[in-house]
């Protein structure tokens, strides 16, 4: 699934500001998917994932800039084309 999602995320442009990120996109996605799958509160994220407030901040940012809609649409399209076996785990 990561191979499908990675190209949909915005590429960072360091010239426009921002420092070195502490957490990678994959860890951010793992944290968000944990909340979405389990239905737990953000504050209940396991400690082996990223802090809840950082995960929530990235989820909100991606939702506002349209990244989350692109991810959702592409995953749905992949499932409709080839069924559940189409997406890698």
C-alpha atoms as a PDB file:
ATOM      1  CA  UNK A   1       0.000   0.000   0.000  1.00  0.00           C
ATOM      2  CA  UNK A   2       2.920   2.330   0.709  1.00  0.00           C
ATOM      3  CA  UNK A   3       4.020   2.142  -2.941  1.00  0.00           C
ATOM      4  CA  UNK A   4       0.568   3.376  -4.002  1.00  0.00           C
ATOM      5  CA  UNK A   5       0.445   6.183  -1.431  1.00  0.00           C
ATOM      6  CA  UNK A   6       4.016   7.548  -1.589  1.00  0.00           C
ATOM      7  CA  UNK A   7       3.671   9.365  -4.955  1.00  0.00           C
ATOM      8  CA  UNK A   8       0.433  11.033  -3.791  1.00  0.00           C
ATOM      9  CA  UNK A   9       2.048  12.892  -0.907  1.00  0.00           C
ATOM     10  CA  UNK A  10       3.346  16.388  -1.476  1.00  0.00           C
ATOM     11  CA  UNK A  11       7.085  16.688  -2.044  1.00  0.00           C
ATOM     12  CA  UNK A  12       8.764  18.963   0.476  1.00  0.00           C
ATOM     13  CA  UNK A  13      10.480  22.037  -0.844  1.00  0.00           C
ATOM     14  CA  UNK A  14      13.123  23.089   1.687  1.00  0.00           C
ATOM     15  CA  UNK A  15      13.549  26.435  -0.078  1.00  0.00           C
ATOM     16  CA  UNK A  16      10.068  27.450   1.032  1.00  0.00           C
ATOM     17  CA  UNK A  17      10.955  26.987   4.660  1.00  0.00           C
ATOM     18  CA  UNK A  18      10.638  24.353   7.275  1.00  0.00           C
ATOM     19  CA  UNK A  19      13.268  22.392   9.065  1.00  0.00           C
ATOM     20  CA  UNK A  20      14.255  18.785   9.041  1.00  0.00           C
ATOM     21  CA  UNK A  21      11.273  16.606   9.819  1.00  0.00           C
ATOM     22  CA  UNK A  22      11.413  14.448  12.900  1.00  0.00           C
ATOM     23  CA  UNK A  23       9.011  11.782  11.579  1.00  0.00           C
ATOM     24  CA  UNK A  24       8.822  10.220   8.135  1.00  0.00           C
ATOM     25  CA  UNK A  25       5.674   9.980   6.026  1.00  0.00           C
ATOM     26  CA  UNK A  26       5.406   6.246   6.542  1.00  0.00           C
ATOM     27  CA  UNK A  27       5.341   6.576  10.346  1.00  0.00           C
ATOM     28  CA  UNK A  28       2.757   9.342  10.012  1.00  0.00           C
ATOM     29  CA  UNK A  29       0.568   7.057   7.884  1.00  0.00           C
ATOM     30  CA  UNK A  30       1.015   4.127  10.268  1.00  0.00           C
ATOM     31  CA  UNK A  31      -0.106   6.337  13.151  1.00  0.00           C
ATOM     32  CA  UNK A  32      -3.133   7.690  11.272  1.00  0.00           C
ATOM     33  CA  UNK A  33      -4.144   4.214  10.073  1.00  0.00           C
ATOM     34  CA  UNK A  34      -3.904   2.935  13.646  1.00  0.00           C
ATOM     35  CA  UNK A  35      -6.470   5.521  14.770  1.00  0.00           C
ATOM     36  CA  UNK A  36      -8.702   4.871  11.756  1.00  0.00           C
ATOM     37  CA  UNK A  37      -8.606   1.076  12.073  1.00  0.00           C
ATOM     38  CA  UNK A  38      -8.932   0.782  15.830  1.00  0.00           C
ATOM     39  CA  UNK A  39     -11.279   3.687  16.400  1.00  0.00           C
ATOM     40  CA  UNK A  40      -9.187   4.786  19.364  1.00  0.00           C
ATOM     41  CA  UNK A  41      -8.755   8.392  20.368  1.00  0.00           C
ATOM     42  CA  UNK A  42      -5.720  10.233  19.082  1.00  0.00           C
ATOM     43  CA  UNK A  43      -4.328  10.427  22.605  1.00  0.00           C
ATOM     44  CA  UNK A  44      -4.445   6.634  22.871  1.00  0.00           C
ATOM     45  CA  UNK A  45      -1.892   5.986  20.109  1.00  0.00           C
ATOM     46  CA  UNK A  46       0.636   3.329  21.160  1.00  0.00           C
ATOM     47  CA  UNK A  47       4.020   4.645  22.245  1.00  0.00           C
ATOM     48  CA  UNK A  48       5.851   2.844  19.420  1.00  0.00           C
ATOM     49  CA  UNK A  49       4.148   5.188  16.951  1.00  0.00           C
ATOM     50  CA  UNK A  50       4.551   8.945  16.845  1.00  0.00           C
ATOM     51  CA  UNK A  51       3.083  11.328  19.442  1.00  0.00           C
ATOM     52  CA  UNK A  52      -0.645  11.780  19.022  1.00  0.00           C
ATOM     53  CA  UNK A  53      -0.518  15.547  18.528  1.00  0.00           C
ATOM     54  CA  UNK A  54       1.998  15.275  15.687  1.00  0.00           C
ATOM     55  CA  UNK A  55      -0.053  12.544  13.986  1.00  0.00           C
ATOM     56  CA  UNK A  56      -3.224  14.609  14.306  1.00  0.00           C
ATOM     57  CA  UNK A  57      -1.454  17.699  12.973  1.00  0.00           C
ATOM     58  CA  UNK A  58      -0.279  15.810   9.850  1.00  0.00           C
ATOM     59  CA  UNK A  59      -3.725  14.261   9.329  1.00  0.00           C
ATOM     60  CA  UNK A  60      -5.288  17.733   9.486  1.00  0.00           C
ATOM     61  CA  UNK A  61      -2.671  19.209   7.143  1.00  0.00           C
ATOM     62  CA  UNK A  62      -3.135  16.425   4.580  1.00  0.00           C
ATOM     63  CA  UNK A  63      -6.908  16.689   4.830  1.00  0.00           C
ATOM     64  CA  UNK A  64      -6.815  20.449   4.210  1.00  0.00           C
ATOM     65  CA  UNK A  65      -4.379  20.345   1.283  1.00  0.00           C
ATOM     66  CA  UNK A  66      -6.260  17.527  -0.465  1.00  0.00           C
ATOM     67  CA  UNK A  67      -3.620  14.823   0.023  1.00  0.00           C
ATOM     68  CA  UNK A  68      -5.956  12.672   2.083  1.00  0.00           C
ATOM     69  CA  UNK A  69      -8.664  12.829  -0.610  1.00  0.00           C
ATOM     70  CA  UNK A  70      -6.092  11.795  -3.257  1.00  0.00           C
ATOM     71  CA  UNK A  71      -4.956   8.872  -1.103  1.00  0.00           C
ATOM     72  CA  UNK A  72      -8.529   7.752  -0.503  1.00  0.00           C
ATOM     73  CA  UNK A  73      -9.512   8.060  -4.168  1.00  0.00           C
ATOM     74  CA  UNK A  74      -6.450   6.162  -5.421  1.00  0.00           C
ATOM     75  CA  UNK A  75      -6.833   3.322  -2.920  1.00  0.00           C
ATOM     76  CA  UNK A  76     -10.517   3.004  -3.824  1.00  0.00           C
ATOM     77  CA  UNK A  77      -9.638   3.022  -7.539  1.00  0.00           C
ATOM     78  CA  UNK A  78      -7.027   0.299  -7.047  1.00  0.00           C
ATOM     79  CA  UNK A  79      -9.524  -1.866  -5.178  1.00  0.00           C
ATOM     80  CA  UNK A  80     -12.190  -1.422  -7.840  1.00  0.00           C
ATOM     81  CA  UNK A  81      -9.781  -2.322 -10.642  1.00  0.00           C
ATOM     82  CA  UNK A  82      -8.285  -5.449  -9.160  1.00  0.00           C
ATOM     83  CA  UNK A  83     -10.087  -6.304  -5.958  1.00  0.00           C
ATOM     84  CA  UNK A  84      -8.551  -6.577  -2.489  1.00  0.00           C
ATOM     85  CA  UNK A  85      -5.626  -8.655  -3.743  1.00  0.00           C
ATOM     86  CA  UNK A  86      -4.494  -5.724  -5.892  1.00  0.00           C
ATOM     87  CA  UNK A  87      -3.066  -3.730  -2.972  1.00  0.00           C
ATOM     88  CA  UNK A  88       0.063  -5.012  -1.270  1.00  0.00           C
ATOM     89  CA  UNK A  89      -0.111  -5.295   2.538  1.00  0.00           C
END
